[in-house]
Amino acid sequence: MLKKLKNFWRCIWPMVRQLSGDDAYERYLKHYAEYHAELENLEPPLGREAYFKQWQDGKWKGVRRCC
């Protein structure tokens, strides 16, 4: 029973992380390595703190209401 539960969470956990945005930085690094590798010497990828600061600024800055 415990083994089945562990296997269940091992399969489900990546989906939970993706839905919650917990793996966003890892996905950013993977995307950067695949599509922007030529820029790495000129402009290295953002650090974890800088990435989340940029994400928060994009999400929360500015007026976001109807009235």
PDB file of N, CA and C in Angstrom:
ATOM      1  N   MET A   1       0.824  -1.199   0.000  1.00  0.00           N
ATOM      2  CA  MET A   1       0.000   0.000   0.000  1.00  0.00           C
ATOM      3  C   MET A   1       0.867   1.263   0.000  1.00  0.00           C
ATOM      4  N   LEU A   2       1.877   1.296   0.865  1.00  0.00           N
ATOM      5  CA  LEU A   2       2.762   2.445   0.954  1.00  0.00           C
ATOM      6  C   LEU A   2       3.534   2.634  -0.358  1.00  0.00           C
ATOM      7  N   LYS A   3       3.924   1.538  -0.965  1.00  0.00           N
ATOM      8  CA  LYS A   3       4.655   1.606  -2.236  1.00  0.00           C
ATOM      9  C   LYS A   3       3.769   2.194  -3.333  1.00  0.00           C
ATOM     10  N   LYS A   4       2.504   1.822  -3.358  1.00  0.00           N
ATOM     11  CA  LYS A   4       1.563   2.369  -4.341  1.00  0.00           C
ATOM     12  C   LYS A   4       1.365   3.861  -4.135  1.00  0.00           C
ATOM     13  N   LEU A   5       1.286   4.268  -2.869  1.00  0.00           N
ATOM     14  CA  LEU A   5       1.116   5.679  -2.554  1.00  0.00           C
ATOM     15  C   LEU A   5       2.345   6.487  -2.992  1.00  0.00           C
ATOM     16  N   LYS A   6       3.531   5.946  -2.757  1.00  0.00           N
ATOM     17  CA  LYS A   6       4.760   6.610  -3.193  1.00  0.00           C
ATOM     18  C   LYS A   6       4.798   6.743  -4.719  1.00  0.00           C
ATOM     19  N   ASN A   7       4.428   5.684  -5.405  1.00  0.00           N
ATOM     20  CA  ASN A   7       4.407   5.726  -6.869  1.00  0.00           C
ATOM     21  C   ASN A   7       3.385   6.736  -7.381  1.00  0.00           C
ATOM     22  N   PHE A   8       2.254   6.809  -6.717  1.00  0.00           N
ATOM     23  CA  PHE A   8       1.229   7.772  -7.099  1.00  0.00           C
ATOM     24  C   PHE A   8       1.777   9.195  -6.993  1.00  0.00           C
ATOM     25  N   TRP A   9       2.387   9.528  -5.844  1.00  0.00           N
ATOM     26  CA  TRP A   9       2.918  10.879  -5.655  1.00  0.00           C
ATOM     27  C   TRP A   9       4.089  11.165  -6.586  1.00  0.00           C
ATOM     28  N   ARG A  10       4.864  10.157  -6.889  1.00  0.00           N
ATOM     29  CA  ARG A  10       5.983  10.344  -7.810  1.00  0.00           C
ATOM     30  C   ARG A  10       5.467  10.715  -9.199  1.00  0.00           C
ATOM     31  N   CYS A  11       4.324  10.201  -9.573  1.00  0.00           N
ATOM     32  CA  CYS A  11       3.722  10.531 -10.877  1.00  0.00           C
ATOM     33  C   CYS A  11       2.983  11.868 -10.848  1.00  0.00           C
ATOM     34  N   ILE A  12       2.328  12.149  -9.755  1.00  0.00           N
ATOM     35  CA  ILE A  12       1.488  13.342  -9.643  1.00  0.00           C
ATOM     36  C   ILE A  12       2.287  14.599  -9.301  1.00  0.00           C
ATOM     37  N   TRP A  13       3.365  14.461  -8.527  1.00  0.00           N
ATOM     38  CA  TRP A  13       4.088  15.625  -8.027  1.00  0.00           C
ATOM     39  C   TRP A  13       4.547  16.591  -9.127  1.00  0.00           C
ATOM     40  N   PRO A  14       5.114  16.122 -10.248  1.00  0.00           N
ATOM     41  CA  PRO A  14       5.499  17.079 -11.302  1.00  0.00           C
ATOM     42  C   PRO A  14       4.313  17.895 -11.827  1.00  0.00           C
ATOM     43  N   MET A  15       3.149  17.294 -11.923  1.00  0.00           N
ATOM     44  CA  MET A  15       1.971  18.029 -12.382  1.00  0.00           C
ATOM     45  C   MET A  15       1.543  19.076 -11.354  1.00  0.00           C
ATOM     46  N   VAL A  16       1.615  18.730 -10.078  1.00  0.00           N
ATOM     47  CA  VAL A  16       1.266  19.677  -9.018  1.00  0.00           C
ATOM     48  C   VAL A  16       2.218  20.870  -9.053  1.00  0.00           C
ATOM     49  N   ARG A  17       3.510  20.594  -9.224  1.00  0.00           N
ATOM     50  CA  ARG A  17       4.498  21.681  -9.284  1.00  0.00           C
ATOM     51  C   ARG A  17       4.242  22.581 -10.490  1.00  0.00           C
ATOM     52  N   GLN A  18       3.881  21.993 -11.620  1.00  0.00           N
ATOM     53  CA  GLN A  18       3.636  22.803 -12.804  1.00  0.00           C
ATOM     54  C   GLN A  18       2.382  23.654 -12.641  1.00  0.00           C
ATOM     55  N   LEU A  19       1.323  23.075 -12.116  1.00  0.00           N
ATOM     56  CA  LEU A  19       0.086  23.827 -11.917  1.00  0.00           C
ATOM     57  C   LEU A  19       0.255  24.963 -10.915  1.00  0.00           C
ATOM     58  N   SER A  20       1.079  24.753  -9.902  1.00  0.00           N
ATOM     59  CA  SER A  20       1.274  25.788  -8.888  1.00  0.00           C
ATOM     60  C   SER A  20       2.311  26.823  -9.296  1.00  0.00           C
ATOM     61  N   GLY A  21       3.091  26.525 -10.340  1.00  0.00           N
ATOM     62  CA  GLY A  21       4.127  27.449 -10.779  1.00  0.00           C
ATOM     63  C   GLY A  21       5.433  27.256 -10.037  1.00  0.00           C
ATOM     64  N   ASP A  22       5.509  26.232  -9.216  1.00  0.00           N
ATOM     65  CA  ASP A  22       6.700  25.973  -8.416  1.00  0.00           C
ATOM     66  C   ASP A  22       7.914  25.618  -9.279  1.00  0.00           C
ATOM     67  N   ASP A  23       7.680  25.050 -10.446  1.00  0.00           N
ATOM     68  CA  ASP A  23       8.788  24.665 -11.317  1.00  0.00           C
ATOM     69  C   ASP A  23       9.063  25.697 -12.410  1.00  0.00           C
ATOM     70  N   ALA A  24       8.540  26.891 -12.258  1.00  0.00           N
ATOM     71  CA  ALA A  24       8.671  27.920 -13.297  1.00  0.00           C
ATOM     72  C   ALA A  24      10.126  28.266 -13.588  1.00  0.00           C
ATOM     73  N   TYR A  25      10.944  28.368 -12.563  1.00  0.00           N
ATOM     74  CA  TYR A  25      12.339  28.729 -12.780  1.00  0.00           C
ATOM     75  C   TYR A  25      13.079  27.619 -13.525  1.00  0.00           C
ATOM     76  N   GLU A  26      12.823  26.368 -13.167  1.00  0.00           N
ATOM     77  CA  GLU A  26      13.459  25.257 -13.864  1.00  0.00           C
ATOM     78  C   GLU A  26      13.034  25.225 -15.330  1.00  0.00           C
ATOM     79  N   ARG A  27      11.746  25.506 -15.604  1.00  0.00           N
ATOM     80  CA  ARG A  27      11.280  25.556 -16.990  1.00  0.00           C
ATOM     81  C   ARG A  27      11.915  26.721 -17.742  1.00  0.00           C
ATOM     82  N   TYR A  28      12.113  27.863 -17.056  1.00  0.00           N
ATOM     83  CA  TYR A  28      12.779  29.018 -17.659  1.00  0.00           C
ATOM     84  C   TYR A  28      14.210  28.656 -18.057  1.00  0.00           C
ATOM     85  N   LEU A  29      14.943  27.983 -17.154  1.00  0.00           N
ATOM     86  CA  LEU A  29      16.316  27.599 -17.463  1.00  0.00           C
ATOM     87  C   LEU A  29      16.377  26.623 -18.633  1.00  0.00           C
ATOM     88  N   LYS A  30      15.456  25.690 -18.680  1.00  0.00           N
ATOM     89  CA  LYS A  30      15.414  24.728 -19.788  1.00  0.00           C
ATOM     90  C   LYS A  30      15.132  25.455 -21.097  1.00  0.00           C
ATOM     91  N   HIS A  31      14.171  26.366 -21.099  1.00  0.00           N
ATOM     92  CA  HIS A  31      13.847  27.148 -22.292  1.00  0.00           C
ATOM     93  C   HIS A  31      15.051  27.984 -22.713  1.00  0.00           C
ATOM     94  N   TYR A  32      15.699  28.613 -21.761  1.00  0.00           N
ATOM     95  CA  TYR A  32      16.856  29.458 -22.063  1.00  0.00           C
ATOM     96  C   TYR A  32      17.964  28.634 -22.708  1.00  0.00           C
ATOM     97  N   ALA A  33      18.226  27.447 -22.169  1.00  0.00           N
ATOM     98  CA  ALA A  33      19.272  26.580 -22.715  1.00  0.00           C
ATOM     99  C   ALA A  33      18.933  26.116 -24.123  1.00  0.00           C
ATOM    100  N   GLU A  34      17.659  25.859 -24.390  1.00  0.00           N
ATOM    101  CA  GLU A  34      17.256  25.368 -25.713  1.00  0.00           C
ATOM    102  C   GLU A  34      17.224  26.463 -26.766  1.00  0.00           C
ATOM    103  N   TYR A  35      16.732  27.628 -26.430  1.00  0.00           N
ATOM    104  CA  TYR A  35      16.466  28.658 -27.434  1.00  0.00           C
ATOM    105  C   TYR A  35      17.374  29.882 -27.377  1.00  0.00           C
ATOM    106  N   HIS A  36      18.108  30.056 -26.281  1.00  0.00           N
ATOM    107  CA  HIS A  36      18.916  31.264 -26.151  1.00  0.00           C
ATOM    108  C   HIS A  36      20.357  30.945 -25.769  1.00  0.00           C
ATOM    109  N   ALA A  37      20.832  29.768 -26.119  1.00  0.00           N
ATOM    110  CA  ALA A  37      22.182  29.347 -25.743  1.00  0.00           C
ATOM    111  C   ALA A  37      23.242  30.291 -26.306  1.00  0.00           C
ATOM    112  N   GLU A  38      23.014  30.850 -27.491  1.00  0.00           N
ATOM    113  CA  GLU A  38      23.998  31.742 -28.101  1.00  0.00           C
ATOM    114  C   GLU A  38      24.141  33.048 -27.311  1.00  0.00           C
ATOM    115  N   LEU A  39      23.163  33.393 -26.499  1.00  0.00           N
ATOM    116  CA  LEU A  39      23.214  34.621 -25.698  1.00  0.00           C
ATOM    117  C   LEU A  39      23.887  34.412 -24.343  1.00  0.00           C
ATOM    118  N   GLU A  40      24.154  33.165 -23.992  1.00  0.00           N
ATOM    119  CA  GLU A  40      24.612  32.867 -22.633  1.00  0.00           C
ATOM    120  C   GLU A  40      25.898  33.614 -22.282  1.00  0.00           C
ATOM    121  N   ASN A  41      26.821  33.775 -23.234  1.00  0.00           N
ATOM    122  CA  ASN A  41      28.054  34.501 -22.947  1.00  0.00           C
ATOM    123  C   ASN A  41      27.805  35.999 -22.844  1.00  0.00           C
ATOM    124  N   LEU A  42      26.856  36.507 -23.646  1.00  0.00           N
ATOM    125  CA  LEU A  42      26.555  37.925 -23.622  1.00  0.00           C
ATOM    126  C   LEU A  42      25.631  38.298 -22.476  1.00  0.00           C
ATOM    127  N   GLU A  43      24.632  37.481 -22.274  1.00  0.00           N
ATOM    128  CA  GLU A  43      23.612  37.753 -21.268  1.00  0.00           C
ATOM    129  C   GLU A  43      23.227  36.442 -20.586  1.00  0.00           C
ATOM    130  N   PRO A  44      23.823  36.149 -19.442  1.00  0.00           N
ATOM    131  CA  PRO A  44      23.508  34.883 -18.770  1.00  0.00           C
ATOM    132  C   PRO A  44      22.053  34.863 -18.300  1.00  0.00           C
ATOM    133  N   PRO A  45      21.506  33.676 -18.064  1.00  0.00           N
ATOM    134  CA  PRO A  45      20.121  33.613 -17.587  1.00  0.00           C
ATOM    135  C   PRO A  45      19.986  34.290 -16.224  1.00  0.00           C
ATOM    136  N   LEU A  46      18.790  34.732 -15.935  1.00  0.00           N
ATOM    137  CA  LEU A  46      18.522  35.382 -14.660  1.00  0.00           C
ATOM    138  C   LEU A  46      18.715  34.402 -13.512  1.00  0.00           C
ATOM    139  N   GLY A  47      19.114  34.924 -12.376  1.00  0.00           N
ATOM    140  CA  GLY A  47      19.167  34.110 -11.167  1.00  0.00           C
ATOM    141  C   GLY A  47      17.755  33.862 -10.668  1.00  0.00           C
ATOM    142  N   ARG A  48      17.618  32.962  -9.726  1.00  0.00           N
ATOM    143  CA  ARG A  48      16.293  32.604  -9.212  1.00  0.00           C
ATOM    144  C   ARG A  48      15.562  33.823  -8.638  1.00  0.00           C
ATOM    145  N   GLU A  49      16.246  34.618  -7.838  1.00  0.00           N
ATOM    146  CA  GLU A  49      15.593  35.781  -7.226  1.00  0.00           C
ATOM    147  C   GLU A  49      15.203  36.811  -8.281  1.00  0.00           C
ATOM    148  N   ALA A  50      16.088  37.078  -9.228  1.00  0.00           N
ATOM    149  CA  ALA A  50      15.798  38.054 -10.283  1.00  0.00           C
ATOM    150  C   ALA A  50      14.644  37.578 -11.156  1.00  0.00           C
ATOM    151  N   TYR A  51      14.600  36.277 -11.432  1.00  0.00           N
ATOM    152  CA  TYR A  51      13.511  35.723 -12.244  1.00  0.00           C
ATOM    153  C   TYR A  51      12.161  35.940 -11.553  1.00  0.00           C
ATOM    154  N   PHE A  52      12.070  35.598 -10.280  1.00  0.00           N
ATOM    155  CA  PHE A  52      10.797  35.743  -9.587  1.00  0.00           C
ATOM    156  C   PHE A  52      10.426  37.209  -9.365  1.00  0.00           C
ATOM    157  N   LYS A  53      11.424  38.074  -9.199  1.00  0.00           N
ATOM    158  CA  LYS A  53      11.139  39.505  -9.103  1.00  0.00           C
ATOM    159  C   LYS A  53      10.535  40.000 -10.414  1.00  0.00           C
ATOM    160  N   GLN A  54      11.123  39.588 -11.537  1.00  0.00           N
ATOM    161  CA  GLN A  54      10.598  39.984 -12.846  1.00  0.00           C
ATOM    162  C   GLN A  54       9.183  39.433 -13.046  1.00  0.00           C
ATOM    163  N   TRP A  55       8.953  38.204 -12.625  1.00  0.00           N
ATOM    164  CA  TRP A  55       7.633  37.588 -12.754  1.00  0.00           C
ATOM    165  C   TRP A  55       6.606  38.348 -11.922  1.00  0.00           C
ATOM    166  N   GLN A  56       6.950  38.673 -10.684  1.00  0.00           N
ATOM    167  CA  GLN A  56       6.027  39.404  -9.819  1.00  0.00           C
ATOM    168  C   GLN A  56       5.749  40.797 -10.357  1.00  0.00           C
ATOM    169  N   ASP A  57       6.779  41.476 -10.835  1.00  0.00           N
ATOM    170  CA  ASP A  57       6.587  42.812 -11.398  1.00  0.00           C
ATOM    171  C   ASP A  57       5.636  42.759 -12.588  1.00  0.00           C
ATOM    172  N   GLY A  58       5.816  41.778 -13.445  1.00  0.00           N
ATOM    173  CA  GLY A  58       4.948  41.648 -14.612  1.00  0.00           C
ATOM    174  C   GLY A  58       3.511  41.333 -14.241  1.00  0.00           C
ATOM    175  N   LYS A  59       3.349  40.592 -13.170  1.00  0.00           N
ATOM    176  CA  LYS A  59       2.010  40.190 -12.772  1.00  0.00           C
ATOM    177  C   LYS A  59       1.282  41.267 -11.973  1.00  0.00           C
ATOM    178  N   TRP A  60       1.981  42.004 -11.126  1.00  0.00           N
ATOM    179  CA  TRP A  60       1.322  42.871 -10.168  1.00  0.00           C
ATOM    180  C   TRP A  60       1.475  44.365 -10.397  1.00  0.00           C
ATOM    181  N   LYS A  61       2.367  44.796 -11.284  1.00  0.00           N
ATOM    182  CA  LYS A  61       2.518  46.235 -11.508  1.00  0.00           C
ATOM    183  C   LYS A  61       1.469  46.742 -12.452  1.00  0.00           C
ATOM    184  N   GLY A  62       1.058  47.955 -12.250  1.00  0.00           N
ATOM    185  CA  GLY A  62       0.068  48.564 -13.127  1.00  0.00           C
ATOM    186  C   GLY A  62      -1.339  48.346 -12.620  1.00  0.00           C
ATOM    187  N   VAL A  63      -2.250  49.081 -13.193  1.00  0.00           N
ATOM    188  CA  VAL A  63      -3.657  48.980 -12.814  1.00  0.00           C
ATOM    189  C   VAL A  63      -4.269  47.765 -13.488  1.00  0.00           C
ATOM    190  N   ARG A  64      -4.900  46.922 -12.714  1.00  0.00           N
ATOM    191  CA  ARG A  64      -5.517  45.709 -13.245  1.00  0.00           C
ATOM    192  C   ARG A  64      -6.952  45.605 -12.741  1.00  0.00           C
ATOM    193  N   ARG A  65      -7.740  46.567 -13.126  1.00  0.00           N
ATOM    194  CA  ARG A  65      -9.141  46.524 -12.720  1.00  0.00           C
ATOM    195  C   ARG A  65      -9.996  47.139 -13.822  1.00  0.00           C
ATOM    196  N   CYS A  66     -11.252  46.939 -13.725  1.00  0.00           N
ATOM    197  CA  CYS A  66     -12.130  47.413 -14.779  1.00  0.00           C
ATOM    198  C   CYS A  66     -12.522  48.879 -14.620  1.00  0.00           C
ATOM    199  N   CYS A  67     -12.504  49.420 -13.423  1.00  0.00           N
ATOM    200  CA  CYS A  67     -12.992  50.777 -13.186  1.00  0.00           C
ATOM    201  C   CYS A  67     -11.925  51.677 -12.604  1.00  0.00           C
TER     202      CYS A  67
END
